[in-house]
Amino acid sequence: MVFSKVKKLLKILYIKYKSSSLSRLHNKKYEERSILGKNYKVIRGTLQSESDYDEAWLSFLSQKANVVYDIGCHIGKSALRISQSESVKRLVLVDPNPLSLSVAAENLIINNLSQNAIFIPKAAYFKSFLT
């Protein structure tokens, strides 16, 4: 009887310990980043700290787009910037590396931006029919 109570207590303590250690790992996995004045929670290391000219140009172009195809999206840096535009109704992300595509998907999912996104784990290429 006493042994079962001790075993139960140890089990509860073990579960609490594992839960807190997993929580610490989970909290270290993400970081807060600001993109054009909006704060996002992203996987640590996926976004650089400062924007450059290309990212500003991408944001400008996506303001009038309804459907955006991000071919070779890699880890989704562009996808987060594109998703800020209110005019974008559909975002199609294509990358042959499923691990990179999963990072892009996770960044969009944790920021509630994936409802209009399609993820395609394929390579995009051009094949000439003339040769």
N, C-alpha and C. Protein backbone atom coordinates (compact mmCIF):
# COMPACT_ATOMS: atom_id res chain seq x y z
N MET A 1 0.82 -1.19 0.00
CA MET A 1 0.00 0.00 0.00
C MET A 1 0.87 1.26 0.00
N VAL A 2 1.85 1.30 0.89
CA VAL A 2 2.74 2.45 0.99
C VAL A 2 3.59 2.54 -0.28
N PHE A 3 4.02 1.39 -0.78
CA PHE A 3 4.84 1.37 -1.99
C PHE A 3 4.09 1.96 -3.18
N SER A 4 2.82 1.65 -3.34
CA SER A 4 2.03 2.17 -4.46
C SER A 4 1.84 3.69 -4.35
N LYS A 5 1.71 4.20 -3.11
CA LYS A 5 1.56 5.64 -2.92
C LYS A 5 2.86 6.36 -3.27
N VAL A 6 3.99 5.78 -2.87
CA VAL A 6 5.29 6.36 -3.18
C VAL A 6 5.52 6.33 -4.70
N LYS A 7 5.15 5.22 -5.33
CA LYS A 7 5.31 5.08 -6.77
C LYS A 7 4.45 6.13 -7.51
N LYS A 8 3.23 6.33 -7.03
CA LYS A 8 2.33 7.30 -7.63
C LYS A 8 2.88 8.72 -7.47
N LEU A 9 3.42 9.03 -6.30
CA LEU A 9 3.99 10.35 -6.03
C LEU A 9 5.21 10.59 -6.92
N LEU A 10 6.07 9.58 -7.06
CA LEU A 10 7.24 9.71 -7.92
C LEU A 10 6.83 9.90 -9.39
N LYS A 11 5.78 9.21 -9.77
CA LYS A 11 5.29 9.34 -11.14
C LYS A 11 4.80 10.77 -11.41
N ILE A 12 4.07 11.33 -10.46
CA ILE A 12 3.58 12.71 -10.60
C ILE A 12 4.73 13.69 -10.67
N LEU A 13 5.72 13.52 -9.80
CA LEU A 13 6.89 14.40 -9.81
C LEU A 13 7.66 14.28 -11.12
N TYR A 14 7.78 13.05 -11.62
CA TYR A 14 8.48 12.83 -12.88
C TYR A 14 7.75 13.50 -14.04
N ILE A 15 6.46 13.39 -14.07
CA ILE A 15 5.66 14.02 -15.13
C ILE A 15 5.80 15.54 -15.08
N LYS A 16 5.78 16.11 -13.87
CA LYS A 16 5.95 17.56 -13.74
C LYS A 16 7.34 17.99 -14.20
N TYR A 17 8.35 17.20 -13.85
CA TYR A 17 9.71 17.51 -14.27
C TYR A 17 9.83 17.47 -15.79
N LYS A 18 9.33 16.42 -16.43
CA LYS A 18 9.41 16.28 -17.88
C LYS A 18 8.62 17.39 -18.57
N SER A 19 7.49 17.73 -18.02
CA SER A 19 6.67 18.79 -18.60
C SER A 19 7.40 20.13 -18.57
N SER A 20 8.03 20.44 -17.46
CA SER A 20 8.75 21.72 -17.37
C SER A 20 9.98 21.72 -18.27
N SER A 21 10.67 20.60 -18.38
CA SER A 21 11.86 20.56 -19.24
C SER A 21 11.47 20.67 -20.71
N LEU A 22 10.36 20.03 -21.11
CA LEU A 22 9.89 20.15 -22.48
C LEU A 22 9.41 21.57 -22.76
N SER A 23 8.80 22.19 -21.78
CA SER A 23 8.35 23.57 -21.93
C SER A 23 9.53 24.51 -22.14
N ARG A 24 10.62 24.29 -21.40
CA ARG A 24 11.81 25.12 -21.57
C ARG A 24 12.40 24.94 -22.97
N LEU A 25 12.44 23.70 -23.46
CA LEU A 25 12.95 23.45 -24.81
C LEU A 25 12.05 24.12 -25.85
N HIS A 26 10.74 24.02 -25.65
CA HIS A 26 9.79 24.60 -26.58
C HIS A 26 9.92 26.12 -26.61
N ASN A 27 10.09 26.73 -25.46
CA ASN A 27 10.22 28.18 -25.39
C ASN A 27 11.51 28.67 -26.03
N LYS A 28 12.56 27.86 -26.03
CA LYS A 28 13.82 28.25 -26.66
C LYS A 28 13.77 28.05 -28.18
N LYS A 29 12.80 27.31 -28.65
CA LYS A 29 12.70 27.03 -30.08
C LYS A 29 12.24 28.26 -30.86
N TYR A 30 11.46 29.12 -30.24
CA TYR A 30 10.88 30.27 -30.94
C TYR A 30 11.47 31.58 -30.46
N GLU A 31 11.35 32.59 -31.30
CA GLU A 31 11.76 33.93 -30.94
C GLU A 31 10.77 34.92 -31.55
N GLU A 32 10.71 36.10 -30.99
CA GLU A 32 9.84 37.15 -31.50
C GLU A 32 10.63 37.99 -32.51
N ARG A 33 10.03 38.24 -33.66
CA ARG A 33 10.64 39.08 -34.68
C ARG A 33 9.60 40.08 -35.18
N SER A 34 10.07 41.25 -35.54
CA SER A 34 9.20 42.28 -36.08
C SER A 34 9.45 42.40 -37.58
N ILE A 35 8.37 42.34 -38.36
CA ILE A 35 8.44 42.51 -39.80
C ILE A 35 7.53 43.65 -40.17
N LEU A 36 8.10 44.75 -40.62
CA LEU A 36 7.35 45.92 -41.04
C LEU A 36 6.35 46.37 -39.97
N GLY A 37 6.78 46.38 -38.74
CA GLY A 37 5.96 46.88 -37.64
C GLY A 37 5.04 45.86 -37.00
N LYS A 38 4.97 44.65 -37.52
CA LYS A 38 4.14 43.60 -36.92
C LYS A 38 5.04 42.56 -36.27
N ASN A 39 4.66 42.13 -35.07
CA ASN A 39 5.46 41.13 -34.35
C ASN A 39 4.98 39.72 -34.70
N TYR A 40 5.94 38.84 -34.91
CA TYR A 40 5.68 37.45 -35.24
C TYR A 40 6.50 36.55 -34.34
N LYS A 41 5.95 35.39 -34.06
CA LYS A 41 6.68 34.34 -33.36
C LYS A 41 7.17 33.37 -34.43
N VAL A 42 8.49 33.19 -34.53
CA VAL A 42 9.05 32.34 -35.58
C VAL A 42 10.07 31.38 -34.97
N ILE A 43 10.39 30.35 -35.70
CA ILE A 43 11.42 29.42 -35.28
C ILE A 43 12.74 30.17 -35.25
N ARG A 44 13.47 30.00 -34.17
CA ARG A 44 14.72 30.72 -33.95
C ARG A 44 15.67 30.54 -35.14
N GLY A 45 16.18 31.67 -35.64
CA GLY A 45 17.15 31.65 -36.71
C GLY A 45 16.58 31.66 -38.11
N THR A 46 15.26 31.70 -38.27
CA THR A 46 14.70 31.67 -39.63
C THR A 46 14.60 33.05 -40.26
N LEU A 47 14.62 34.11 -39.48
CA LEU A 47 14.55 35.46 -40.02
C LEU A 47 15.76 36.25 -39.60
N GLN A 48 16.30 37.04 -40.52
CA GLN A 48 17.40 37.91 -40.16
C GLN A 48 16.85 39.12 -39.41
N SER A 49 17.71 39.78 -38.68
CA SER A 49 17.25 40.87 -37.81
C SER A 49 16.89 42.13 -38.57
N GLU A 50 17.49 42.37 -39.73
CA GLU A 50 17.21 43.58 -40.48
C GLU A 50 16.68 43.24 -41.87
N SER A 51 15.73 44.04 -42.34
CA SER A 51 15.20 43.86 -43.68
C SER A 51 16.14 44.47 -44.70
N ASP A 52 16.08 43.96 -45.93
CA ASP A 52 16.89 44.53 -46.99
C ASP A 52 16.00 45.01 -48.14
N TYR A 53 16.62 45.49 -49.20
CA TYR A 53 15.90 46.06 -50.33
C TYR A 53 14.96 45.03 -50.97
N ASP A 54 15.41 43.80 -51.15
CA ASP A 54 14.60 42.78 -51.80
C ASP A 54 13.31 42.50 -51.03
N GLU A 55 13.39 42.50 -49.71
CA GLU A 55 12.21 42.23 -48.90
C GLU A 55 11.20 43.38 -49.00
N ALA A 56 11.69 44.61 -49.06
CA ALA A 56 10.80 45.75 -49.22
C ALA A 56 10.12 45.71 -50.59
N TRP A 57 10.89 45.33 -51.61
CA TRP A 57 10.35 45.22 -52.96
C TRP A 57 9.30 44.12 -53.03
N LEU A 58 9.54 43.01 -52.38
CA LEU A 58 8.59 41.90 -52.33
C LEU A 58 7.29 42.32 -51.64
N SER A 59 7.40 43.05 -50.55
CA SER A 59 6.22 43.55 -49.84
C SER A 59 5.42 44.49 -50.73
N PHE A 60 6.11 45.35 -51.46
CA PHE A 60 5.44 46.29 -52.35
C PHE A 60 4.68 45.56 -53.45
N LEU A 61 5.32 44.56 -54.08
CA LEU A 61 4.69 43.82 -55.17
C LEU A 61 3.49 43.00 -54.70
N SER A 62 3.55 42.49 -53.49
CA SER A 62 2.46 41.63 -53.00
C SER A 62 1.23 42.43 -52.58
N GLN A 63 1.32 43.75 -52.52
CA GLN A 63 0.17 44.55 -52.11
C GLN A 63 -0.97 44.51 -53.12
N LYS A 64 -0.68 44.20 -54.37
CA LYS A 64 -1.72 44.18 -55.39
C LYS A 64 -2.00 42.78 -55.93
N ALA A 65 -1.38 41.77 -55.36
CA ALA A 65 -1.51 40.40 -55.86
C ALA A 65 -2.65 39.67 -55.16
N ASN A 66 -3.34 38.82 -55.91
CA ASN A 66 -4.38 37.97 -55.32
C ASN A 66 -3.84 36.58 -54.99
N VAL A 67 -3.04 36.05 -55.91
CA VAL A 67 -2.43 34.73 -55.74
C VAL A 67 -0.93 34.89 -55.90
N VAL A 68 -0.16 34.35 -54.95
CA VAL A 68 1.30 34.44 -55.02
C VAL A 68 1.86 33.03 -54.99
N TYR A 69 2.74 32.74 -55.94
CA TYR A 69 3.45 31.47 -55.99
C TYR A 69 4.87 31.72 -55.51
N ASP A 70 5.24 31.10 -54.41
CA ASP A 70 6.60 31.22 -53.88
C ASP A 70 7.33 29.94 -54.25
N ILE A 71 7.97 29.97 -55.41
CA ILE A 71 8.68 28.79 -55.93
C ILE A 71 10.07 28.78 -55.30
N GLY A 72 10.41 27.68 -54.64
CA GLY A 72 11.67 27.60 -53.92
C GLY A 72 11.59 28.40 -52.63
N CYS A 73 10.53 28.20 -51.89
CA CYS A 73 10.25 29.02 -50.69
C CYS A 73 11.25 28.81 -49.57
N HIS A 74 11.98 27.71 -49.60
CA HIS A 74 12.95 27.38 -48.56
C HIS A 74 12.28 27.37 -47.19
N ILE A 75 12.65 28.26 -46.26
CA ILE A 75 12.07 28.23 -44.91
C ILE A 75 10.99 29.28 -44.70
N GLY A 76 10.56 29.94 -45.78
CA GLY A 76 9.40 30.80 -45.71
C GLY A 76 9.63 32.24 -45.27
N LYS A 77 10.83 32.75 -45.43
CA LYS A 77 11.07 34.16 -45.07
C LYS A 77 10.18 35.08 -45.91
N SER A 78 10.10 34.81 -47.18
CA SER A 78 9.27 35.63 -48.06
C SER A 78 7.79 35.42 -47.77
N ALA A 79 7.41 34.21 -47.42
CA ALA A 79 5.99 33.91 -47.19
C ALA A 79 5.42 34.74 -46.04
N LEU A 80 6.19 34.96 -44.98
CA LEU A 80 5.70 35.79 -43.88
C LEU A 80 5.50 37.24 -44.34
N ARG A 81 6.40 37.74 -45.15
CA ARG A 81 6.26 39.11 -45.65
C ARG A 81 5.08 39.24 -46.60
N ILE A 82 4.92 38.26 -47.48
CA ILE A 82 3.82 38.28 -48.44
C ILE A 82 2.48 38.16 -47.72
N SER A 83 2.43 37.37 -46.68
CA SER A 83 1.16 37.14 -45.97
C SER A 83 0.66 38.39 -45.25
N GLN A 84 1.47 39.42 -45.12
CA GLN A 84 1.04 40.67 -44.49
C GLN A 84 0.08 41.45 -45.37
N SER A 85 0.12 41.23 -46.66
CA SER A 85 -0.73 41.96 -47.59
C SER A 85 -2.17 41.48 -47.48
N GLU A 86 -3.10 42.42 -47.37
CA GLU A 86 -4.52 42.06 -47.28
C GLU A 86 -5.08 41.59 -48.61
N SER A 87 -4.44 41.94 -49.72
CA SER A 87 -4.98 41.57 -51.03
C SER A 87 -4.70 40.11 -51.39
N VAL A 88 -3.71 39.49 -50.77
CA VAL A 88 -3.34 38.10 -51.10
C VAL A 88 -4.40 37.14 -50.55
N LYS A 89 -5.05 36.45 -51.49
CA LYS A 89 -6.10 35.50 -51.12
C LYS A 89 -5.58 34.06 -51.05
N ARG A 90 -4.51 33.77 -51.80
CA ARG A 90 -3.96 32.42 -51.85
C ARG A 90 -2.45 32.52 -51.94
N LEU A 91 -1.76 31.72 -51.14
CA LEU A 91 -0.31 31.68 -51.12
C LEU A 91 0.12 30.23 -51.36
N VAL A 92 0.84 30.00 -52.46
CA VAL A 92 1.27 28.66 -52.83
C VAL A 92 2.78 28.58 -52.63
N LEU A 93 3.20 27.72 -51.70
CA LEU A 93 4.62 27.56 -51.40
C LEU A 93 5.10 26.22 -51.96
N VAL A 94 6.16 26.27 -52.78
CA VAL A 94 6.70 25.08 -53.42
C VAL A 94 8.18 24.97 -53.08
N ASP A 95 8.58 23.81 -52.59
CA ASP A 95 10.00 23.55 -52.31
C ASP A 95 10.23 22.04 -52.34
N PRO A 96 11.33 21.58 -52.94
CA PRO A 96 11.57 20.14 -53.00
C PRO A 96 12.02 19.53 -51.67
N ASN A 97 12.52 20.35 -50.75
CA ASN A 97 12.98 19.85 -49.46
C ASN A 97 11.82 19.88 -48.45
N PRO A 98 11.30 18.72 -48.05
CA PRO A 98 10.16 18.71 -47.14
C PRO A 98 10.47 19.29 -45.76
N LEU A 99 11.73 19.21 -45.32
CA LEU A 99 12.08 19.78 -44.02
C LEU A 99 12.03 21.31 -44.06
N SER A 100 12.54 21.89 -45.12
CA SER A 100 12.46 23.35 -45.28
C SER A 100 11.01 23.80 -45.39
N LEU A 101 10.24 23.05 -46.14
CA LEU A 101 8.83 23.39 -46.31
C LEU A 101 8.07 23.28 -44.99
N SER A 102 8.45 22.33 -44.16
CA SER A 102 7.78 22.18 -42.86
C SER A 102 8.11 23.36 -41.93
N VAL A 103 9.33 23.91 -42.04
CA VAL A 103 9.68 25.10 -41.25
C VAL A 103 8.83 26.29 -41.71
N ALA A 104 8.69 26.44 -43.02
CA ALA A 104 7.85 27.51 -43.56
C ALA A 104 6.40 27.35 -43.09
N ALA A 105 5.92 26.12 -43.14
CA ALA A 105 4.54 25.86 -42.70
C ALA A 105 4.37 26.15 -41.22
N GLU A 106 5.33 25.73 -40.40
CA GLU A 106 5.22 25.96 -38.96
C GLU A 106 5.22 27.45 -38.63
N ASN A 107 6.07 28.23 -39.31
CA ASN A 107 6.09 29.67 -39.07
C ASN A 107 4.75 30.31 -39.42
N LEU A 108 4.14 29.87 -40.51
CA LEU A 108 2.83 30.41 -40.87
C LEU A 108 1.74 29.92 -39.92
N ILE A 109 1.81 28.67 -39.51
CA ILE A 109 0.78 28.10 -38.64
C ILE A 109 0.78 28.76 -37.27
N ILE A 110 1.95 28.95 -36.66
CA ILE A 110 1.97 29.52 -35.30
C ILE A 110 1.58 30.99 -35.28
N ASN A 111 1.54 31.62 -36.46
CA ASN A 111 1.09 33.01 -36.54
C ASN A 111 -0.31 33.13 -37.16
N ASN A 112 -1.01 32.01 -37.28
CA ASN A 112 -2.37 31.96 -37.83
C ASN A 112 -2.45 32.56 -39.22
N LEU A 113 -1.50 32.23 -40.07
CA LEU A 113 -1.46 32.75 -41.44
C LEU A 113 -1.53 31.64 -42.48
N SER A 114 -1.82 30.43 -42.06
CA SER A 114 -1.76 29.30 -42.98
C SER A 114 -3.10 28.93 -43.61
N GLN A 115 -4.18 29.60 -43.23
CA GLN A 115 -5.49 29.21 -43.73
C GLN A 115 -5.62 29.36 -45.25
N ASN A 116 -4.89 30.28 -45.87
CA ASN A 116 -4.94 30.47 -47.32
C ASN A 116 -3.69 29.98 -48.01
N ALA A 117 -2.89 29.18 -47.33
CA ALA A 117 -1.63 28.70 -47.90
C ALA A 117 -1.75 27.25 -48.36
N ILE A 118 -1.05 26.95 -49.45
CA ILE A 118 -0.95 25.59 -49.96
C ILE A 118 0.54 25.25 -49.99
N PHE A 119 0.89 24.08 -49.48
CA PHE A 119 2.28 23.64 -49.40
C PHE A 119 2.49 22.46 -50.34
N ILE A 120 3.43 22.60 -51.26
CA ILE A 120 3.68 21.56 -52.26
C ILE A 120 5.14 21.13 -52.17
N PRO A 121 5.41 19.89 -51.73
CA PRO A 121 6.80 19.41 -51.61
C PRO A 121 7.31 18.81 -52.93
N LYS A 122 7.47 19.62 -53.93
CA LYS A 122 7.93 19.17 -55.24
C LYS A 122 8.98 20.13 -55.78
N ALA A 123 9.74 19.68 -56.74
CA ALA A 123 10.71 20.54 -57.42
C ALA A 123 10.02 21.18 -58.62
N ALA A 124 10.28 22.45 -58.82
CA ALA A 124 9.76 23.15 -59.99
C ALA A 124 10.89 23.25 -61.00
N TYR A 125 10.60 22.88 -62.25
CA TYR A 125 11.63 22.92 -63.27
C TYR A 125 10.98 23.16 -64.62
N PHE A 126 11.80 23.55 -65.56
CA PHE A 126 11.34 23.77 -66.93
C PHE A 126 11.89 22.68 -67.81
N LYS A 127 11.01 22.06 -68.55
CA LYS A 127 11.46 20.99 -69.47
C LYS A 127 11.10 21.41 -70.88
N SER A 128 12.10 21.49 -71.72
CA SER A 128 11.89 21.87 -73.10
C SER A 128 11.39 20.67 -73.89
N PHE A 129 10.38 20.89 -74.70
CA PHE A 129 9.85 19.81 -75.53
C PHE A 129 10.46 19.83 -76.92
N LEU A 130 11.32 20.84 -77.17
CA LEU A 130 11.92 20.97 -78.49
C LEU A 130 13.16 20.10 -78.66
N THR A 131 13.80 19.70 -77.58
CA THR A 131 15.03 18.92 -77.70
C THR A 131 14.78 17.46 -77.49
